[in-house]
C-alpha atoms as a PDB file:
ATOM      1  CA  MET A   1      13.778  10.641  10.396  1.00  0.00           C
ATOM      2  CA  ASP A   2      13.710   7.908   8.171  1.00  0.00           C
ATOM      3  CA  SER A   3      10.254   7.538   6.418  1.00  0.00           C
ATOM      4  CA  ILE A   4       8.970   6.601   3.106  1.00  0.00           C
ATOM      5  CA  TYR A   5       8.580  10.718   2.730  1.00  0.00           C
ATOM      6  CA  GLN A   6      12.141  10.477   1.604  1.00  0.00           C
ATOM      7  CA  PHE A   7      11.217   8.518  -1.796  1.00  0.00           C
ATOM      8  CA  ASN A   8       9.672   9.672  -5.340  1.00  0.00           C
ATOM      9  CA  ALA A   9       7.952   7.573  -7.628  1.00  0.00           C
ATOM     10  CA  PRO A  10       6.510   7.740 -11.342  1.00  0.00           C
ATOM     11  CA  LEU A  11       2.975   7.732 -11.758  1.00  0.00           C
ATOM     12  CA  TYR A  12       1.573   5.460 -14.455  1.00  0.00           C
ATOM     13  CA  ASN A  13       1.868   8.445 -16.835  1.00  0.00           C
ATOM     14  CA  SER A  14       5.569   9.049 -15.861  1.00  0.00           C
ATOM     15  CA  GLU A  15       4.938  11.898 -13.620  1.00  0.00           C
ATOM     16  CA  ASN A  16       6.617  12.351 -10.281  1.00  0.00           C
ATOM     17  CA  PHE A  17       5.050  11.861  -7.423  1.00  0.00           C
ATOM     18  CA  SER A  18       6.635  12.697  -4.231  1.00  0.00           C
ATOM     19  CA  LEU A  19       5.813  10.567  -0.989  1.00  0.00           C
ATOM     20  CA  SER A  20       6.367  13.553   1.042  1.00  0.00           C
ATOM     21  CA  GLN A  21       2.652  14.510   0.060  1.00  0.00           C
ATOM     22  CA  LEU A  22       1.226  11.724   2.070  1.00  0.00           C
ATOM     23  CA  GLN A  23       2.479  13.132   5.690  1.00  0.00           C
ATOM     24  CA  GLY A  24      -0.286  12.749   7.877  1.00  0.00           C
ATOM     25  CA  LYS A  25      -1.702   9.744   5.791  1.00  0.00           C
ATOM     26  CA  THR A  26      -2.024   6.081   6.911  1.00  0.00           C
ATOM     27  CA  VAL A  27      -0.580   4.234   3.760  1.00  0.00           C
ATOM     28  CA  LEU A  28      -1.322   0.976   2.248  1.00  0.00           C
ATOM     29  CA  ILE A  29       1.470  -0.084  -0.520  1.00  0.00           C
ATOM     30  CA  VAL A  30       0.867  -3.125  -2.505  1.00  0.00           C
ATOM     31  CA  ASN A  31       3.174  -4.880  -5.252  1.00  0.00           C
ATOM     32  CA  THR A  32       0.561  -5.360  -7.597  1.00  0.00           C
ATOM     33  CA  ALA A  33       0.069  -7.257 -11.084  1.00  0.00           C
ATOM     34  CA  SER A  34      -2.896  -7.437 -13.835  1.00  0.00           C
ATOM     35  CA  LYS A  35      -2.567 -11.033 -14.815  1.00  0.00           C
ATOM     36  CA  CYS A  36      -1.898 -12.636 -11.301  1.00  0.00           C
ATOM     37  CA  ASN A  37      -4.526 -14.679  -9.593  1.00  0.00           C
ATOM     38  CA  PHE A  38      -4.536 -12.069  -6.434  1.00  0.00           C
ATOM     39  CA  SER A  39      -5.240  -9.227  -9.090  1.00  0.00           C
ATOM     40  CA  VAL A  40      -9.453 -10.079  -7.274  1.00  0.00           C
ATOM     41  CA  GLN A  41      -7.386  -8.144  -4.199  1.00  0.00           C
ATOM     42  CA  LEU A  42      -7.782  -4.730  -6.376  1.00  0.00           C
ATOM     43  CA  ASN A  43     -11.795  -4.861  -5.670  1.00  0.00           C
ATOM     44  CA  ALA A  44     -10.810  -5.275  -1.895  1.00  0.00           C
ATOM     45  CA  LEU A  45      -7.966  -2.570  -1.808  1.00  0.00           C
ATOM     46  CA  GLU A  46     -10.705  -0.193  -3.409  1.00  0.00           C
ATOM     47  CA  LYS A  47     -13.379  -0.778  -0.919  1.00  0.00           C
ATOM     48  CA  LEU A  48     -10.810  -0.096   1.894  1.00  0.00           C
ATOM     49  CA  TYR A  49      -9.840   3.074   0.000  1.00  0.00           C
ATOM     50  CA  GLN A  50     -13.363   4.124  -0.422  1.00  0.00           C
ATOM     51  CA  GLN A  51     -14.278   3.345   2.840  1.00  0.00           C
ATOM     52  CA  TYR A  52     -11.039   5.265   4.794  1.00  0.00           C
ATOM     53  CA  LYS A  53     -10.111   8.252   2.659  1.00  0.00           C
ATOM     54  CA  GLY A  54     -11.891  10.575   4.072  1.00  0.00           C
ATOM     55  CA  ASN A  55     -10.079   9.833   7.408  1.00  0.00           C
ATOM     56  CA  GLY A  56      -6.753  10.154   5.956  1.00  0.00           C
ATOM     57  CA  PHE A  57      -6.189   6.295   4.345  1.00  0.00           C
ATOM     58  CA  THR A  58      -4.638   5.849   0.971  1.00  0.00           C
ATOM     59  CA  VAL A  59      -3.392   2.610  -1.414  1.00  0.00           C
ATOM     60  CA  LEU A  60      -0.938   3.015  -3.596  1.00  0.00           C
ATOM     61  CA  ALA A  61      -0.145   0.394  -6.077  1.00  0.00           C
ATOM     62  CA  PHE A  62       2.906  -0.269  -7.446  1.00  0.00           C
ATOM     63  CA  PRO A  63       3.011  -3.069 -10.670  1.00  0.00           C
ATOM     64  CA  CYS A  64       5.739  -5.515 -10.956  1.00  0.00           C
ATOM     65  CA  ASN A  65       6.750  -7.680 -13.759  1.00  0.00           C
ATOM     66  CA  GLN A  66       8.979  -9.664 -11.671  1.00  0.00           C
ATOM     67  CA  PHE A  67       6.848 -12.620 -10.674  1.00  0.00           C
ATOM     68  CA  GLY A  68       5.595 -14.817 -13.405  1.00  0.00           C
ATOM     69  CA  GLN A  69       5.518 -11.974 -15.681  1.00  0.00           C
ATOM     70  CA  ASN A  70       2.271 -11.264 -14.758  1.00  0.00           C
ATOM     71  CA  GLU A  71       2.413  -8.092 -15.515  1.00  0.00           C
ATOM     72  CA  PRO A  72       3.503  -7.668 -19.082  1.00  0.00           C
ATOM     73  CA  LEU A  73       1.347  -4.255 -19.792  1.00  0.00           C
ATOM     74  CA  ASP A  74       2.769  -0.822 -20.276  1.00  0.00           C
ATOM     75  CA  ASN A  75       1.605   1.556 -17.615  1.00  0.00           C
ATOM     76  CA  LEU A  76      -1.302   3.201 -19.204  1.00  0.00           C
ATOM     77  CA  ALA A  77      -2.702  -0.029 -20.074  1.00  0.00           C
ATOM     78  CA  ILE A  78      -2.138  -1.147 -16.499  1.00  0.00           C
ATOM     79  CA  LYS A  79      -4.061   2.185 -14.926  1.00  0.00           C
ATOM     80  CA  ASP A  80      -6.897   1.265 -17.430  1.00  0.00           C
ATOM     81  CA  PHE A  81      -7.180  -2.158 -16.979  1.00  0.00           C
ATOM     82  CA  TYR A  82      -7.542  -1.680 -13.128  1.00  0.00           C
ATOM     83  CA  GLN A  83     -10.105   1.317 -13.398  1.00  0.00           C
ATOM     84  CA  ASP A  84     -12.070  -0.654 -16.204  1.00  0.00           C
ATOM     85  CA  GLN A  85     -11.839  -4.568 -14.494  1.00  0.00           C
ATOM     86  CA  PHE A  86     -11.882  -3.255 -10.782  1.00  0.00           C
ATOM     87  CA  ASN A  87     -13.077   0.377 -10.669  1.00  0.00           C
ATOM     88  CA  THR A  88     -10.121   1.449  -8.845  1.00  0.00           C
ATOM     89  CA  SER A  89      -9.773   5.057  -8.205  1.00  0.00           C
ATOM     90  CA  PHE A  90      -6.396   5.082  -5.937  1.00  0.00           C
ATOM     91  CA  GLU A  91      -2.791   5.811  -7.209  1.00  0.00           C
ATOM     92  CA  VAL A  92      -0.940   3.519  -9.550  1.00  0.00           C
ATOM     93  CA  PHE A  93       2.717   3.921 -10.377  1.00  0.00           C
ATOM     94  CA  GLY A  94       4.953   2.599 -13.145  1.00  0.00           C
ATOM     95  CA  LYS A  95       5.969  -0.135 -12.854  1.00  0.00           C
ATOM     96  CA  VAL A  96       9.157  -1.117 -10.917  1.00  0.00           C
ATOM     97  CA  MET A  97      11.206  -3.744  -9.839  1.00  0.00           C
ATOM     98  CA  VAL A  98      10.851  -5.183  -6.205  1.00  0.00           C
ATOM     99  CA  ASN A  99      13.727  -7.472  -5.696  1.00  0.00           C
ATOM    100  CA  GLY A 100      17.537  -7.652  -7.033  1.00  0.00           C
ATOM    101  CA  PRO A 101      19.909  -4.940  -8.129  1.00  0.00           C
ATOM    102  CA  GLU A 102      17.196  -3.046  -9.983  1.00  0.00           C
ATOM    103  CA  THR A 103      14.943  -2.603  -6.732  1.00  0.00           C
ATOM    104  CA  HIS A 104      13.056   0.709  -6.566  1.00  0.00           C
ATOM    105  CA  PRO A 105      14.940   2.351  -3.303  1.00  0.00           C
ATOM    106  CA  LEU A 106      11.074   2.316  -1.939  1.00  0.00           C
ATOM    107  CA  PHE A 107      11.077  -1.305  -1.966  1.00  0.00           C
ATOM    108  CA  ASN A 108      14.345  -1.291  -0.748  1.00  0.00           C
ATOM    109  CA  TYR A 109      13.325   0.791   2.323  1.00  0.00           C
ATOM    110  CA  LEU A 110      10.544  -1.500   2.864  1.00  0.00           C
ATOM    111  CA  LYS A 111      12.134  -4.674   2.614  1.00  0.00           C
ATOM    112  CA  SER A 112      15.107  -3.432   4.827  1.00  0.00           C
ATOM    113  CA  HIS A 113      12.480  -2.705   7.870  1.00  0.00           C
ATOM    114  CA  THR A 114      10.630  -5.828   7.674  1.00  0.00           C
ATOM    115  CA  ARG A 115      11.366  -9.510   7.140  1.00  0.00           C
ATOM    116  CA  GLY A 116       9.342 -11.407   4.892  1.00  0.00           C
ATOM    117  CA  ILE A 117       8.058 -15.356   4.804  1.00  0.00           C
ATOM    118  CA  SER A 118      10.794 -17.537   6.083  1.00  0.00           C
ATOM    119  CA  GLN A 119      12.778 -14.471   7.598  1.00  0.00           C
ATOM    120  CA  ASN A 120      13.817 -13.517   4.074  1.00  0.00           C
ATOM    121  CA  ARG A 121      13.458  -9.366   2.937  1.00  0.00           C
ATOM    122  CA  ALA A 122      12.992 -10.525  -0.704  1.00  0.00           C
ATOM    123  CA  ILE A 123       9.352 -10.086  -1.739  1.00  0.00           C
ATOM    124  CA  LYS A 124       8.206 -13.639  -2.716  1.00  0.00           C
ATOM    125  CA  TRP A 125       4.809 -12.274  -4.926  1.00  0.00           C
ATOM    126  CA  ASN A 126       2.840 -10.298  -5.995  1.00  0.00           C
ATOM    127  CA  PHE A 127       0.368  -8.438  -3.671  1.00  0.00           C
ATOM    128  CA  THR A 128       2.478  -8.335  -0.540  1.00  0.00           C
ATOM    129  CA  LYS A 129       1.028  -5.417   1.447  1.00  0.00           C
ATOM    130  CA  PHE A 130       3.204  -2.657   3.880  1.00  0.00           C
ATOM    131  CA  LEU A 131       1.073  -1.005   5.930  1.00  0.00           C
ATOM    132  CA  ILE A 132       2.511   2.654   6.600  1.00  0.00           C
ATOM    133  CA  ASN A 133       1.675   5.027   9.680  1.00  0.00           C
ATOM    134  CA  SER A 134       0.777   8.671   9.455  1.00  0.00           C
ATOM    135  CA  GLN A 135       4.696   9.767  10.310  1.00  0.00           C
ATOM    136  CA  GLY A 136       5.496   7.741   7.280  1.00  0.00           C
ATOM    137  CA  GLN A 137       6.585   4.474   9.465  1.00  0.00           C
ATOM    138  CA  LEU A 138       6.050   1.054   8.401  1.00  0.00           C
ATOM    139  CA  VAL A 139       3.739  -0.543  10.786  1.00  0.00           C
ATOM    140  CA  ALA A 140       3.788  -3.833   9.150  1.00  0.00           C
ATOM    141  CA  ARG A 141       4.331  -6.402   6.388  1.00  0.00           C
ATOM    142  CA  TYR A 142       1.387  -8.572   4.862  1.00  0.00           C
ATOM    143  CA  ALA A 143       2.129 -11.652   2.137  1.00  0.00           C
ATOM    144  CA  PRO A 144      -0.145 -11.775  -0.896  1.00  0.00           C
ATOM    145  CA  ARG A 145      -2.263 -14.080   0.462  1.00  0.00           C
ATOM    146  CA  THR A 146      -3.912 -11.648   3.257  1.00  0.00           C
ATOM    147  CA  LYS A 147      -6.899 -10.306   1.991  1.00  0.00           C
ATOM    148  CA  PRO A 148      -7.191  -6.561   2.300  1.00  0.00           C
ATOM    149  CA  GLU A 149      -9.992  -6.697   4.254  1.00  0.00           C
ATOM    150  CA  THR A 150      -8.400  -8.416   7.073  1.00  0.00           C
ATOM    151  CA  LEU A 151      -6.373  -5.134   7.672  1.00  0.00           C
ATOM    152  CA  LYS A 152      -9.465  -3.038   8.783  1.00  0.00           C
ATOM    153  CA  GLN A 153      -8.983  -3.386  12.307  1.00  0.00           C
ATOM    154  CA  VAL A 154      -5.268  -2.160  11.866  1.00  0.00           C
ATOM    155  CA  ILE A 155      -5.499   0.315   9.593  1.00  0.00           C
ATOM    156  CA  GLU A 156      -8.707   2.000  11.629  1.00  0.00           C
ATOM    157  CA  SER A 157      -6.208   1.727  14.780  1.00  0.00           C
ATOM    158  CA  ASN A 158      -3.395   3.314  12.715  1.00  0.00           C
ATOM    159  CA  LEU A 159      -6.098   6.161  12.041  1.00  0.00           C
ATOM    160  CA  LEU A 160      -7.206   6.508  15.369  1.00  0.00           C
ATOM    161  CA  GLN A 161      -3.679   7.070  16.398  1.00  0.00           C
ATOM    162  CA  ALA A 162      -2.982   9.456  13.471  1.00  0.00           C
ATOM    163  CA  ALA A 163      -5.973  11.831  14.970  1.00  0.00           C
ATOM    164  CA  LYS A 164      -4.362  11.665  18.421  1.00  0.00           C
ATOM    165  CA  LEU A 165      -1.318  12.973  17.340  1.00  0.00           C
ATOM    166  CA  SER A 166      -2.889  15.551  14.969  1.00  0.00           C
ATOM    167  CA  ALA A 167      -4.962  16.512  17.844  1.00  0.00           C
ATOM    168  CA  ALA A 168      -2.049  16.460  20.574  1.00  0.00           C
ATOM    169  CA  ARG A 169      -0.027  18.774  18.210  1.00  0.00           C
ATOM    170  CA  GLY A 170      -3.145  21.091  17.519  1.00  0.00           C
ATOM    171  CA  GLY A 171      -3.433  20.194  13.571  1.00  0.00           C
ATOM    172  CA  LYS A 172      -6.366  19.462  11.778  1.00  0.00           C
ATOM    173  CA  LYS A 173      -7.799  16.529  13.318  1.00  0.00           C
ATOM    174  CA  VAL A 174      -8.614  13.414  11.461  1.00  0.00           C
ATOM    175  CA  SER A 175     -12.156  11.959  12.325  1.00  0.00           C
ATOM    176  CA  SER A 176     -12.171   9.704  15.259  1.00  0.00           C
ATOM    177  CA  LYS A 177     -15.473   8.584  13.933  1.00  0.00           C
ATOM    178  CA  ILE A 178     -14.234   5.361  12.142  1.00  0.00           C
ATOM    179  CA  PRO A 179     -16.504   2.549  12.457  1.00  0.00           C
ATOM    180  CA  LEU A 180     -15.284  -0.102  14.125  1.00  0.00           C
ATOM    181  CA  PHE A 181     -14.648  -3.370  12.740  1.00  0.00           C
ATOM    182  CA  THR A 182     -13.782  -7.132  14.017  1.00  0.00           C
ATOM    183  CA  PRO A 183     -12.041  -9.967  11.837  1.00  0.00           C
ATOM    184  CA  SER A 184     -12.764 -13.281  12.371  1.00  0.00           C
ATOM    185  CA  LYS A 185      -9.112 -14.045  12.238  1.00  0.00           C
ATOM    186  CA  ALA A 186      -6.054 -12.000  12.676  1.00  0.00           C
ATOM    187  CA  PRO A 187      -4.385 -11.581   9.182  1.00  0.00           C
ATOM    188  CA  LEU A 188      -1.203 -13.743   8.418  1.00  0.00           C
ATOM    189  CA  LYS A 189       2.362 -11.399   8.415  1.00  0.00           C
ATOM    190  CA  ALA A 190       4.241 -11.994   5.743  1.00  0.00           C
END
């Protein structure tokens, strides 16, 4: 089955990370940049991570310097900046390319399974978000302007679906006691 589990990526410290470790988890993948105006979203991403990590949810930050040269730091400095300025504790990877001939294979996969703004597959800016279900399949792509907190309902829905699938397979059940959230408006799709 085609999924994110077929990919590996280097963490900020160059340690290889196999995305197959995430089987059974709902994942939010975000291309990030420390000097971008949207970097304040790192706070909200951390809040989502803290709220739902016990239910099988995680966030993966992939720094990128392709948009406005907004990520001038080296990988270790990026991780430190995210922790110091935004108190992040989710996984931070090494810098990647998300467009062009040197695009990381994970982002080629993500882009090939969705269309972005104006039906163009290219990522337009930092903080484009990709929601992945517990089977490693892309659920949705969200624009940089989409605030992470507006994704609570869709995250909860995917976590509940994961719990049902796990229970049906006789596996370890993910807690279905997820606090319900009612957004004021639906998030914008990228």
